[in-house]
Amino acid sequence: MAAKTTDDIADDELEPVTDETAHKARRVVAAYATDADECRMLLSMLGIAPGESA
């Protein structure tokens, strides 16, 4: 069986990340972002910006 591509995954198959995972991901993004605007943009694109609900 072939691996699923992102085109084959329905929204209802995606599970929200845990709070702990989102917190760790925010720290990594913040560490590598070049400035605050980039950090906000990346967090928003990933759906893990503070205050965003899954």
PDB file of N, CA and C in Angstrom:
ATOM      1  N   MET A   1       0.841  -1.182   0.000  1.00  0.00           N
ATOM      2  CA  MET A   1       0.000   0.000   0.000  1.00  0.00           C
ATOM      3  C   MET A   1       0.883   1.240   0.000  1.00  0.00           C
ATOM      4  N   ALA A   2       0.557   2.178  -0.841  1.00  0.00           N
ATOM      5  CA  ALA A   2       1.345   3.406  -0.951  1.00  0.00           C
ATOM      6  C   ALA A   2       1.067   4.324   0.233  1.00  0.00           C
ATOM      7  N   ALA A   3       2.066   5.088   0.617  1.00  0.00           N
ATOM      8  CA  ALA A   3       1.902   6.048   1.715  1.00  0.00           C
ATOM      9  C   ALA A   3       0.961   7.167   1.276  1.00  0.00           C
ATOM     10  N   LYS A   4       0.201   7.683   2.235  1.00  0.00           N
ATOM     11  CA  LYS A   4      -0.717   8.785   1.935  1.00  0.00           C
ATOM     12  C   LYS A   4       0.065  10.068   1.724  1.00  0.00           C
ATOM     13  N   THR A   5      -0.372  10.839   0.760  1.00  0.00           N
ATOM     14  CA  THR A   5       0.197  12.160   0.580  1.00  0.00           C
ATOM     15  C   THR A   5      -0.713  13.147   1.300  1.00  0.00           C
ATOM     16  N   THR A   6      -0.278  14.372   1.431  1.00  0.00           N
ATOM     17  CA  THR A   6      -1.102  15.367   2.120  1.00  0.00           C
ATOM     18  C   THR A   6      -2.407  15.611   1.387  1.00  0.00           C
ATOM     19  N   ASP A   7      -2.450  15.357   0.084  1.00  0.00           N
ATOM     20  CA  ASP A   7      -3.679  15.520  -0.687  1.00  0.00           C
ATOM     21  C   ASP A   7      -4.705  14.446  -0.339  1.00  0.00           C
ATOM     22  N   ASP A   8      -4.250  13.310   0.188  1.00  0.00           N
ATOM     23  CA  ASP A   8      -5.138  12.195   0.499  1.00  0.00           C
ATOM     24  C   ASP A   8      -5.707  12.258   1.911  1.00  0.00           C
ATOM     25  N   ILE A   9      -5.256  13.192   2.733  1.00  0.00           N
ATOM     26  CA  ILE A   9      -5.683  13.270   4.124  1.00  0.00           C
ATOM     27  C   ILE A   9      -6.818  14.275   4.251  1.00  0.00           C
ATOM     28  N   ALA A  10      -7.947  13.794   4.749  1.00  0.00           N
ATOM     29  CA  ALA A  10      -9.100  14.677   4.945  1.00  0.00           C
ATOM     30  C   ALA A  10      -8.941  15.441   6.252  1.00  0.00           C
ATOM     31  N   ASP A  11      -9.554  16.617   6.318  1.00  0.00           N
ATOM     32  CA  ASP A  11      -9.462  17.434   7.534  1.00  0.00           C
ATOM     33  C   ASP A  11      -9.945  16.684   8.766  1.00  0.00           C
ATOM     34  N   ASP A  12     -10.957  15.835   8.611  1.00  0.00           N
ATOM     35  CA  ASP A  12     -11.481  15.119   9.771  1.00  0.00           C
ATOM     36  C   ASP A  12     -10.538  14.020  10.255  1.00  0.00           C
ATOM     37  N   GLU A  13      -9.511  13.691   9.466  1.00  0.00           N
ATOM     38  CA  GLU A  13      -8.514  12.706   9.881  1.00  0.00           C
ATOM     39  C   GLU A  13      -7.376  13.333  10.682  1.00  0.00           C
ATOM     40  N   LEU A  14      -7.266  14.668  10.648  1.00  0.00           N
ATOM     41  CA  LEU A  14      -6.196  15.353  11.367  1.00  0.00           C
ATOM     42  C   LEU A  14      -6.564  15.510  12.828  1.00  0.00           C
ATOM     43  N   GLU A  15      -5.613  15.268  13.685  1.00  0.00           N
ATOM     44  CA  GLU A  15      -5.839  15.425  15.115  1.00  0.00           C
ATOM     45  C   GLU A  15      -5.105  16.666  15.595  1.00  0.00           C
ATOM     46  N   PRO A  16      -5.723  17.442  16.495  1.00  0.00           N
ATOM     47  CA  PRO A  16      -5.032  18.627  17.011  1.00  0.00           C
ATOM     48  C   PRO A  16      -3.818  18.211  17.849  1.00  0.00           C
ATOM     49  N   VAL A  17      -2.810  19.066  17.836  1.00  0.00           N
ATOM     50  CA  VAL A  17      -1.628  18.775  18.654  1.00  0.00           C
ATOM     51  C   VAL A  17      -1.940  19.052  20.111  1.00  0.00           C
ATOM     52  N   THR A  18      -1.227  18.381  20.982  1.00  0.00           N
ATOM     53  CA  THR A  18      -1.438  18.608  22.413  1.00  0.00           C
ATOM     54  C   THR A  18      -0.873  19.965  22.799  1.00  0.00           C
ATOM     55  N   ASP A  19      -1.306  20.474  23.929  1.00  0.00           N
ATOM     56  CA  ASP A  19      -0.799  21.759  24.411  1.00  0.00           C
ATOM     57  C   ASP A  19       0.709  21.710  24.604  1.00  0.00           C
ATOM     58  N   GLU A  20       1.207  20.592  25.104  1.00  0.00           N
ATOM     59  CA  GLU A  20       2.652  20.459  25.341  1.00  0.00           C
ATOM     60  C   GLU A  20       3.422  20.498  24.022  1.00  0.00           C
ATOM     61  N   THR A  21       2.916  19.823  23.004  1.00  0.00           N
ATOM     62  CA  THR A  21       3.568  19.811  21.701  1.00  0.00           C
ATOM     63  C   THR A  21       3.557  21.198  21.080  1.00  0.00           C
ATOM     64  N   ALA A  22       2.414  21.887  21.173  1.00  0.00           N
ATOM     65  CA  ALA A  22       2.312  23.243  20.626  1.00  0.00           C
ATOM     66  C   ALA A  22       3.277  24.177  21.345  1.00  0.00           C
ATOM     67  N   HIS A  23       3.382  24.032  22.659  1.00  0.00           N
ATOM     68  CA  HIS A  23       4.296  24.882  23.436  1.00  0.00           C
ATOM     69  C   HIS A  23       5.745  24.666  22.987  1.00  0.00           C
ATOM     70  N   LYS A  24       6.129  23.414  22.821  1.00  0.00           N
ATOM     71  CA  LYS A  24       7.496  23.114  22.380  1.00  0.00           C
ATOM     72  C   LYS A  24       7.741  23.636  20.964  1.00  0.00           C
ATOM     73  N   ALA A  25       6.746  23.487  20.092  1.00  0.00           N
ATOM     74  CA  ALA A  25       6.886  23.970  18.720  1.00  0.00           C
ATOM     75  C   ALA A  25       7.012  25.486  18.692  1.00  0.00           C
ATOM     76  N   ARG A  26       6.256  26.184  19.541  1.00  0.00           N
ATOM     77  CA  ARG A  26       6.363  27.654  19.609  1.00  0.00           C
ATOM     78  C   ARG A  26       7.774  28.073  19.994  1.00  0.00           C
ATOM     79  N   ARG A  27       8.373  27.360  20.941  1.00  0.00           N
ATOM     80  CA  ARG A  27       9.730  27.694  21.383  1.00  0.00           C
ATOM     81  C   ARG A  27      10.744  27.502  20.257  1.00  0.00           C
ATOM     82  N   VAL A  28      10.597  26.428  19.498  1.00  0.00           N
ATOM     83  CA  VAL A  28      11.514  26.172  18.380  1.00  0.00           C
ATOM     84  C   VAL A  28      11.355  27.249  17.316  1.00  0.00           C
ATOM     85  N   VAL A  29      10.115  27.566  16.963  1.00  0.00           N
ATOM     86  CA  VAL A  29       9.872  28.597  15.953  1.00  0.00           C
ATOM     87  C   VAL A  29      10.449  29.924  16.417  1.00  0.00           C
ATOM     88  N   ALA A  30      10.210  30.284  17.670  1.00  0.00           N
ATOM     89  CA  ALA A  30      10.718  31.549  18.199  1.00  0.00           C
ATOM     90  C   ALA A  30      12.244  31.588  18.173  1.00  0.00           C
ATOM     91  N   ALA A  31      12.869  30.460  18.429  1.00  0.00           N
ATOM     92  CA  ALA A  31      14.336  30.412  18.449  1.00  0.00           C
ATOM     93  C   ALA A  31      14.936  30.625  17.058  1.00  0.00           C
ATOM     94  N   TYR A  32      14.249  30.160  16.032  1.00  0.00           N
ATOM     95  CA  TYR A  32      14.805  30.236  14.679  1.00  0.00           C
ATOM     96  C   TYR A  32      14.265  31.395  13.843  1.00  0.00           C
ATOM     97  N   ALA A  33      13.204  32.049  14.278  1.00  0.00           N
ATOM     98  CA  ALA A  33      12.651  33.178  13.522  1.00  0.00           C
ATOM     99  C   ALA A  33      13.632  34.341  13.557  1.00  0.00           C
ATOM    100  N   THR A  34      13.681  35.078  12.466  1.00  0.00           N
ATOM    101  CA  THR A  34      14.618  36.196  12.389  1.00  0.00           C
ATOM    102  C   THR A  34      14.126  37.425  13.149  1.00  0.00           C
ATOM    103  N   ASP A  35      12.803  37.555  13.306  1.00  0.00           N
ATOM    104  CA  ASP A  35      12.249  38.669  14.068  1.00  0.00           C
ATOM    105  C   ASP A  35      10.833  38.309  14.529  1.00  0.00           C
ATOM    106  N   ALA A  36      10.227  39.200  15.287  1.00  0.00           N
ATOM    107  CA  ALA A  36       8.912  38.929  15.868  1.00  0.00           C
ATOM    108  C   ALA A  36       7.833  38.752  14.804  1.00  0.00           C
ATOM    109  N   ASP A  37       7.900  39.543  13.735  1.00  0.00           N
ATOM    110  CA  ASP A  37       6.906  39.420  12.666  1.00  0.00           C
ATOM    111  C   ASP A  37       6.974  38.052  11.992  1.00  0.00           C
ATOM    112  N   GLU A  38       8.184  37.597  11.727  1.00  0.00           N
ATOM    113  CA  GLU A  38       8.341  36.283  11.121  1.00  0.00           C
ATOM    114  C   GLU A  38       7.836  35.204  12.072  1.00  0.00           C
ATOM    115  N   CYS A  39       8.134  35.335  13.342  1.00  0.00           N
ATOM    116  CA  CYS A  39       7.684  34.371  14.336  1.00  0.00           C
ATOM    117  C   CYS A  39       6.155  34.296  14.354  1.00  0.00           C
ATOM    118  N   ARG A  40       5.493  35.456  14.395  1.00  0.00           N
ATOM    119  CA  ARG A  40       4.021  35.481  14.384  1.00  0.00           C
ATOM    120  C   ARG A  40       3.462  34.831  13.129  1.00  0.00           C
ATOM    121  N   MET A  41       4.080  35.134  11.981  1.00  0.00           N
ATOM    122  CA  MET A  41       3.610  34.577  10.716  1.00  0.00           C
ATOM    123  C   MET A  41       3.741  33.050  10.707  1.00  0.00           C
ATOM    124  N   LEU A  42       4.892  32.553  11.127  1.00  0.00           N
ATOM    125  CA  LEU A  42       5.116  31.113  11.128  1.00  0.00           C
ATOM    126  C   LEU A  42       4.187  30.396  12.106  1.00  0.00           C
ATOM    127  N   LEU A  43       4.018  30.965  13.290  1.00  0.00           N
ATOM    128  CA  LEU A  43       3.118  30.344  14.264  1.00  0.00           C
ATOM    129  C   LEU A  43       1.693  30.306  13.718  1.00  0.00           C
ATOM    130  N   SER A  44       1.277  31.364  13.075  1.00  0.00           N
ATOM    131  CA  SER A  44      -0.059  31.402  12.485  1.00  0.00           C
ATOM    132  C   SER A  44      -0.196  30.381  11.363  1.00  0.00           C
ATOM    133  N   MET A  45       0.817  30.272  10.513  1.00  0.00           N
ATOM    134  CA  MET A  45       0.779  29.308   9.416  1.00  0.00           C
ATOM    135  C   MET A  45       0.699  27.875   9.942  1.00  0.00           C
ATOM    136  N   LEU A  46       1.353  27.616  11.043  1.00  0.00           N
ATOM    137  CA  LEU A  46       1.329  26.291  11.640  1.00  0.00           C
ATOM    138  C   LEU A  46       0.075  26.035  12.464  1.00  0.00           C
ATOM    139  N   GLY A  47      -0.682  27.089  12.719  1.00  0.00           N
ATOM    140  CA  GLY A  47      -1.910  26.941  13.508  1.00  0.00           C
ATOM    141  C   GLY A  47      -1.646  26.792  14.994  1.00  0.00           C
ATOM    142  N   ILE A  48      -0.497  27.304  15.447  1.00  0.00           N
ATOM    143  CA  ILE A  48      -0.142  27.158  16.861  1.00  0.00           C
ATOM    144  C   ILE A  48       0.142  28.510  17.514  1.00  0.00           C
ATOM    145  N   ALA A  49      -0.377  29.568  16.913  1.00  0.00           N
ATOM    146  CA  ALA A  49      -0.194  30.886  17.509  1.00  0.00           C
ATOM    147  C   ALA A  49      -0.909  30.923  18.860  1.00  0.00           C
ATOM    148  N   PRO A  50      -0.331  31.580  19.849  1.00  0.00           N
ATOM    149  CA  PRO A  50      -0.996  31.658  21.154  1.00  0.00           C
ATOM    150  C   PRO A  50      -2.412  32.226  20.987  1.00  0.00           C
ATOM    151  N   GLY A  51      -3.357  31.585  21.628  1.00  0.00           N
ATOM    152  CA  GLY A  51      -4.749  32.029  21.557  1.00  0.00           C
ATOM    153  C   GLY A  51      -5.547  31.383  20.460  1.00  0.00           C
ATOM    154  N   GLU A  52      -4.880  30.685  19.528  1.00  0.00           N
ATOM    155  CA  GLU A  52      -5.609  29.977  18.468  1.00  0.00           C
ATOM    156  C   GLU A  52      -6.158  28.688  19.024  1.00  0.00           C
ATOM    157  N   SER A  53      -7.390  28.401  18.709  1.00  0.00           N
ATOM    158  CA  SER A  53      -8.017  27.129  19.120  1.00  0.00           C
ATOM    159  C   SER A  53      -7.907  26.134  17.991  1.00  0.00           C
ATOM    160  N   ALA A  54      -7.722  24.898  18.374  1.00  0.00           N
ATOM    161  CA  ALA A  54      -7.621  23.844  17.355  1.00  0.00           C
ATOM    162  C   ALA A  54      -8.985  23.361  16.942  1.00  0.00           C
TER     163      ALA A  54
END
